[in-house]
Amino acid sequence: MKTSELETWEARFARELSLRGATGREVGEALETVRSHCRDARVHPDTAFGSSVAYARQLRPGPLRARRVGRLLLGCGASVPWRC
C-alpha cells in the first residue's frame, strides 16, 4: 500500500477512537501498537486489522461523544458559536 493509504487508514482510526472518547494518549498508544504490529509482520493495517473504523469500534465500543458529533454534523466553517 502507498504511504497516503496508510496515512488515511491511521487518520480514520485515530478520528474514530477520538469520537468514541479516547484521550490523545490512548489514541497515540493504539496507533503505536498498530504500527509496531504491522512493521513486525510487514503487512498493511487493512490486512492485519481490517477497516480502521471497525477496528476502532472494537477497541472502544459505545456511544460517540455528543460534543464531537455535533461538530461533525454542523461541520467546520458553518455559522456556529464555537470554533472547530
C-alpha atoms as a PDB file:
ATOM      1  CA  MET A   1       0.000   0.000   0.000  1.00  0.00           C
ATOM      2  CA  LYS A   2       1.060   3.546  -0.614  1.00  0.00           C
ATOM      3  CA  THR A   3       2.029   5.900   2.180  1.00  0.00           C
ATOM      4  CA  SER A   4      -1.058   8.023   1.556  1.00  0.00           C
ATOM      5  CA  GLU A   5      -3.300   4.956   2.019  1.00  0.00           C
ATOM      6  CA  LEU A   6      -1.534   4.145   5.285  1.00  0.00           C
ATOM      7  CA  GLU A   7      -1.932   7.744   6.471  1.00  0.00           C
ATOM      8  CA  THR A   8      -5.623   7.661   5.564  1.00  0.00           C
ATOM      9  CA  TRP A   9      -6.144   4.409   7.499  1.00  0.00           C
ATOM     10  CA  GLU A  10      -4.369   5.847  10.537  1.00  0.00           C
ATOM     11  CA  ALA A  11      -6.262   9.156  10.373  1.00  0.00           C
ATOM     12  CA  ARG A  12      -9.641   7.408  10.208  1.00  0.00           C
ATOM     13  CA  PHE A  13      -8.638   5.090  13.052  1.00  0.00           C
ATOM     14  CA  ALA A  14      -7.485   7.977  15.247  1.00  0.00           C
ATOM     15  CA  ARG A  15     -10.590  10.056  14.468  1.00  0.00           C
ATOM     16  CA  GLU A  16     -12.952   7.202  15.317  1.00  0.00           C
ATOM     17  CA  LEU A  17     -11.164   6.495  18.606  1.00  0.00           C
ATOM     18  CA  SER A  18     -11.312  10.178  19.474  1.00  0.00           C
ATOM     19  CA  LEU A  19     -15.020  10.368  18.634  1.00  0.00           C
ATOM     20  CA  ARG A  20     -15.546   7.467  20.993  1.00  0.00           C
ATOM     21  CA  GLY A  21     -13.907   9.292  23.879  1.00  0.00           C
ATOM     22  CA  ALA A  22     -10.307   8.099  23.720  1.00  0.00           C
ATOM     23  CA  THR A  23      -7.752  10.565  25.048  1.00  0.00           C
ATOM     24  CA  GLY A  24      -4.860  11.756  22.934  1.00  0.00           C
ATOM     25  CA  ARG A  25      -2.566   9.447  24.864  1.00  0.00           C
ATOM     26  CA  GLU A  26      -4.846   6.442  24.251  1.00  0.00           C
ATOM     27  CA  VAL A  27      -5.041   7.232  20.547  1.00  0.00           C
ATOM     28  CA  GLY A  28      -1.259   7.528  20.355  1.00  0.00           C
ATOM     29  CA  GLU A  29      -0.754   4.231  22.161  1.00  0.00           C
ATOM     30  CA  ALA A  30      -3.256   2.460  19.912  1.00  0.00           C
ATOM     31  CA  LEU A  31      -1.561   3.863  16.800  1.00  0.00           C
ATOM     32  CA  GLU A  32       1.841   2.756  18.058  1.00  0.00           C
ATOM     33  CA  THR A  33       0.508  -0.754  18.712  1.00  0.00           C
ATOM     34  CA  VAL A  34      -0.881  -0.938  15.163  1.00  0.00           C
ATOM     35  CA  ARG A  35       2.321   0.444  13.644  1.00  0.00           C
ATOM     36  CA  SER A  36       4.527  -1.924  15.638  1.00  0.00           C
ATOM     37  CA  HIS A  37       2.489  -4.979  14.690  1.00  0.00           C
ATOM     38  CA  CYS A  38       2.346  -4.018  11.027  1.00  0.00           C
ATOM     39  CA  ARG A  39       6.062  -3.240  10.916  1.00  0.00           C
ATOM     40  CA  ASP A  40       6.951  -6.591  12.521  1.00  0.00           C
ATOM     41  CA  ALA A  41       4.511  -8.577  10.361  1.00  0.00           C
ATOM     42  CA  ARG A  42       5.257  -6.473   7.267  1.00  0.00           C
ATOM     43  CA  VAL A  43       1.584  -6.006   6.474  1.00  0.00           C
ATOM     44  CA  HIS A  44      -0.764  -3.075   5.934  1.00  0.00           C
ATOM     45  CA  PRO A  45      -3.241  -2.344   8.754  1.00  0.00           C
ATOM     46  CA  ASP A  46      -6.126  -3.279   6.429  1.00  0.00           C
ATOM     47  CA  THR A  47      -4.659  -6.770   6.171  1.00  0.00           C
ATOM     48  CA  ALA A  48      -3.932  -7.117   9.875  1.00  0.00           C
ATOM     49  CA  PHE A  49      -6.938  -5.332  11.392  1.00  0.00           C
ATOM     50  CA  GLY A  50      -9.475  -4.715   8.635  1.00  0.00           C
ATOM     51  CA  SER A  51     -11.375  -1.445   8.389  1.00  0.00           C
ATOM     52  CA  SER A  52      -9.880   1.317  10.512  1.00  0.00           C
ATOM     53  CA  VAL A  53     -13.298   2.449  11.733  1.00  0.00           C
ATOM     54  CA  ALA A  54     -14.457  -1.085  12.554  1.00  0.00           C
ATOM     55  CA  TYR A  55     -11.241  -1.825  14.442  1.00  0.00           C
ATOM     56  CA  ALA A  56     -11.533   1.406  16.445  1.00  0.00           C
ATOM     57  CA  ARG A  57     -15.110   0.454  17.331  1.00  0.00           C
ATOM     58  CA  GLN A  58     -13.875  -2.942  18.566  1.00  0.00           C
ATOM     59  CA  LEU A  59     -11.291  -1.280  20.781  1.00  0.00           C
ATOM     60  CA  ARG A  60     -13.638   1.410  22.041  1.00  0.00           C
ATOM     61  CA  PRO A  61     -17.274   0.273  21.806  1.00  0.00           C
ATOM     62  CA  GLY A  62     -20.049   2.523  22.972  1.00  0.00           C
ATOM     63  CA  PRO A  63     -21.698   5.775  22.000  1.00  0.00           C
ATOM     64  CA  LEU A  64     -19.996   8.683  20.319  1.00  0.00           C
ATOM     65  CA  ARG A  65     -19.213  11.756  22.387  1.00  0.00           C
ATOM     66  CA  ALA A  66     -22.058  14.260  21.896  1.00  0.00           C
ATOM     67  CA  ARG A  67     -19.892  17.367  21.603  1.00  0.00           C
ATOM     68  CA  ARG A  68     -17.779  15.900  18.807  1.00  0.00           C
ATOM     69  CA  VAL A  69     -20.802  14.512  16.978  1.00  0.00           C
ATOM     70  CA  GLY A  70     -22.373  17.986  16.924  1.00  0.00           C
ATOM     71  CA  ARG A  71     -19.269  19.406  15.333  1.00  0.00           C
ATOM     72  CA  LEU A  72     -19.277  16.699  12.691  1.00  0.00           C
ATOM     73  CA  LEU A  73     -22.929  17.241  11.879  1.00  0.00           C
ATOM     74  CA  LEU A  74     -22.608  21.023  11.657  1.00  0.00           C
ATOM     75  CA  GLY A  75     -19.186  20.963  10.065  1.00  0.00           C
ATOM     76  CA  CYS A  76     -16.342  23.403  10.457  1.00  0.00           C
ATOM     77  CA  GLY A  77     -16.962  26.706   8.787  1.00  0.00           C
ATOM     78  CA  ALA A  78     -20.680  26.666   9.450  1.00  0.00           C
ATOM     79  CA  SER A  79     -22.235  29.534  11.367  1.00  0.00           C
ATOM     80  CA  VAL A  80     -21.764  28.153  14.847  1.00  0.00           C
ATOM     81  CA  PRO A  81     -20.897  29.962  18.090  1.00  0.00           C
ATOM     82  CA  TRP A  82     -17.767  27.833  18.740  1.00  0.00           C
ATOM     83  CA  ARG A  83     -14.572  27.181  16.900  1.00  0.00           C
ATOM     84  CA  CYS A  84     -13.819  23.892  15.184  1.00  0.00           C
END
